Amino acid sequence: MDKGIINWKKGRGKLGLFKPLLGSWIAEQKSEMGYMKCTRTFKQVLNGNYIELNAKWEFGGKIYEEMAIFGTEKDTITFWSFTSDGKKSNGYLANASDIHPDAICFEAQMPAGLARMIYWPDQNSGFR
């Protein structure tokens, strides 16, 4: 992600861990499938009780989109994800200290196995 150095300080409350991610982020790169662009936008919704993620991947002339909602369920931070190919998933906050001590990680059990969505700070380009 290229937004420059950011303040990775988490905010107050259970969803305060999202504070460093709030806003719009764009990643662009050449890949085996050609030029790839991913835009992610995190924002607070429903009086700050949830975080909404809208993601859009553009590659090889195709577009793939995701909408995810993060919130709490029985004191556990949970997400519910819906994608443009009609799939859906849900998962939970998990530990990713193997990647970075300040990583924000969510895991979901998918038909193909465990999937991890991880964000961590990067001094040169905002976050990874």
Protein backbone atom coordinates (compact mmCIF):
# COMPACT_ATOMS: atom_id res chain seq x y z
CA MET A 1 0.00 0.00 0.00
CA ASP A 2 1.44 3.33 -0.85
CA LYS A 3 0.30 6.17 1.37
CA GLY A 4 3.57 6.96 3.08
CA ILE A 5 4.42 6.54 6.73
CA ILE A 6 1.32 6.37 8.90
CA ASN A 7 0.60 6.43 12.60
CA TRP A 8 -0.11 2.79 13.49
CA LYS A 9 -1.54 3.75 16.89
CA LYS A 10 -4.78 1.95 17.61
CA GLY A 11 -7.84 3.85 18.80
CA ARG A 12 -10.15 3.35 21.75
CA GLY A 13 -12.68 0.56 22.08
CA LYS A 14 -12.84 -2.91 20.62
CA LEU A 15 -12.83 -1.66 17.04
CA GLY A 16 -10.06 0.85 17.75
CA LEU A 17 -7.57 -1.54 16.18
CA PHE A 18 -8.90 -0.37 12.78
CA LYS A 19 -7.88 3.26 13.32
CA PRO A 20 -4.63 2.93 11.30
CA LEU A 21 -6.57 1.43 8.38
CA LEU A 22 -9.40 3.99 8.10
CA GLY A 23 -9.40 5.73 4.73
CA SER A 24 -8.78 4.68 1.14
CA TRP A 25 -5.71 2.76 0.07
CA ILE A 26 -4.47 1.86 -3.41
CA ALA A 27 -1.95 -0.81 -4.36
CA GLU A 28 -0.72 -1.17 -7.94
CA GLN A 29 1.68 -3.71 -9.35
CA LYS A 30 2.58 -5.70 -12.42
CA SER A 31 1.71 -9.38 -12.03
CA GLU A 32 1.65 -12.59 -14.04
CA MET A 33 -1.90 -11.62 -15.04
CA GLY A 34 -0.80 -8.15 -16.15
CA TYR A 35 -1.33 -4.83 -14.41
CA MET A 36 -3.13 -5.19 -11.06
CA LYS A 37 -4.78 -2.46 -9.00
CA CYS A 38 -6.48 -2.94 -5.66
CA THR A 39 -8.41 -0.19 -3.90
CA ARG A 40 -9.50 -0.72 -0.29
CA THR A 41 -11.64 1.71 1.68
CA PHE A 42 -12.21 1.27 5.41
CA LYS A 43 -14.80 3.44 7.15
CA GLN A 44 -16.85 3.53 10.31
CA VAL A 45 -20.57 2.86 9.77
CA LEU A 46 -23.73 2.61 11.85
CA ASN A 47 -22.69 5.11 14.51
CA GLY A 48 -19.19 3.63 14.75
CA ASN A 49 -20.46 0.20 15.81
CA TYR A 50 -19.06 -1.44 12.66
CA ILE A 51 -16.24 -1.00 10.18
CA GLU A 52 -17.03 -1.42 6.49
CA LEU A 53 -14.41 -2.52 3.97
CA ASN A 54 -15.01 -2.09 0.26
CA ALA A 55 -12.31 -3.63 -1.90
CA LYS A 56 -11.98 -3.66 -5.67
CA TRP A 57 -9.35 -5.63 -7.59
CA GLU A 58 -8.77 -4.83 -11.27
CA PHE A 59 -6.57 -7.21 -13.25
CA GLY A 60 -6.48 -8.73 -16.70
CA GLY A 61 -9.48 -6.62 -17.76
CA LYS A 62 -11.59 -8.12 -14.96
CA ILE A 63 -13.01 -6.64 -11.78
CA TYR A 64 -13.51 -8.49 -8.51
CA GLU A 65 -15.17 -6.78 -5.54
CA GLU A 66 -15.64 -7.47 -1.85
CA MET A 67 -17.70 -5.86 0.86
CA ALA A 68 -16.92 -6.84 4.44
CA ILE A 69 -18.37 -5.73 7.74
CA PHE A 70 -16.33 -5.96 10.95
CA GLY A 71 -18.00 -5.86 14.34
CA THR A 72 -18.28 -7.66 17.63
CA GLU A 73 -20.19 -10.83 18.35
CA LYS A 74 -20.11 -12.20 21.90
CA ASP A 75 -17.10 -9.97 22.69
CA THR A 76 -15.16 -11.37 19.71
CA ILE A 77 -14.21 -9.16 16.77
CA THR A 78 -15.78 -10.83 13.76
CA PHE A 79 -16.12 -10.16 10.03
CA TRP A 80 -18.71 -11.04 7.43
CA SER A 81 -17.54 -10.87 3.80
CA PHE A 82 -19.48 -10.90 0.53
CA THR A 83 -17.85 -11.01 -2.92
CA SER A 84 -18.87 -10.22 -6.47
CA ASP A 85 -18.64 -13.89 -7.45
CA GLY A 86 -21.50 -14.64 -5.04
CA LYS A 87 -19.38 -16.16 -2.28
CA LYS A 88 -19.48 -15.27 1.37
CA SER A 89 -17.38 -16.01 4.42
CA ASN A 90 -16.99 -15.04 8.02
CA GLY A 91 -14.14 -15.22 10.46
CA TYR A 92 -12.53 -13.87 13.57
CA LEU A 93 -9.67 -11.75 14.86
CA ALA A 94 -6.56 -13.92 15.15
CA ASN A 95 -2.92 -13.66 16.12
CA ALA A 96 -0.35 -12.92 13.40
CA SER A 97 2.70 -12.15 15.51
CA ASP A 98 4.56 -14.52 13.16
CA ILE A 99 4.22 -11.77 10.52
CA HIS A 100 4.65 -8.62 12.64
CA PRO A 101 4.11 -7.84 16.35
CA ASP A 102 1.51 -5.16 15.49
CA ALA A 103 -0.29 -7.12 12.76
CA ILE A 104 -4.08 -7.07 12.50
CA CYS A 105 -5.21 -10.51 11.38
CA PHE A 106 -8.50 -12.17 10.59
CA GLU A 107 -8.91 -15.86 9.80
CA ALA A 108 -11.72 -17.72 8.09
CA GLN A 109 -12.15 -21.39 7.34
CA MET A 110 -12.76 -21.68 3.60
CA PRO A 111 -13.50 -24.75 1.45
CA ALA A 112 -9.85 -24.74 0.29
CA GLY A 113 -8.52 -24.35 3.86
CA LEU A 114 -7.64 -21.59 6.30
CA ALA A 115 -7.51 -18.06 4.83
CA ARG A 116 -5.77 -15.17 6.59
CA MET A 117 -6.29 -11.45 5.97
CA ILE A 118 -3.37 -9.60 7.56
CA TYR A 119 -2.39 -5.93 7.72
CA TRP A 120 0.84 -4.71 9.32
CA PRO A 121 2.76 -1.41 9.40
CA ASP A 122 5.50 -0.64 6.91
CA GLN A 123 7.77 2.33 7.56
CA ASN A 124 8.16 3.08 3.84
CA SER A 125 4.74 2.45 2.37
CA GLY A 126 2.10 2.78 5.09
CA PHE A 127 1.12 -0.84 5.58
CA ARG A 128 1.27 -4.23 3.92
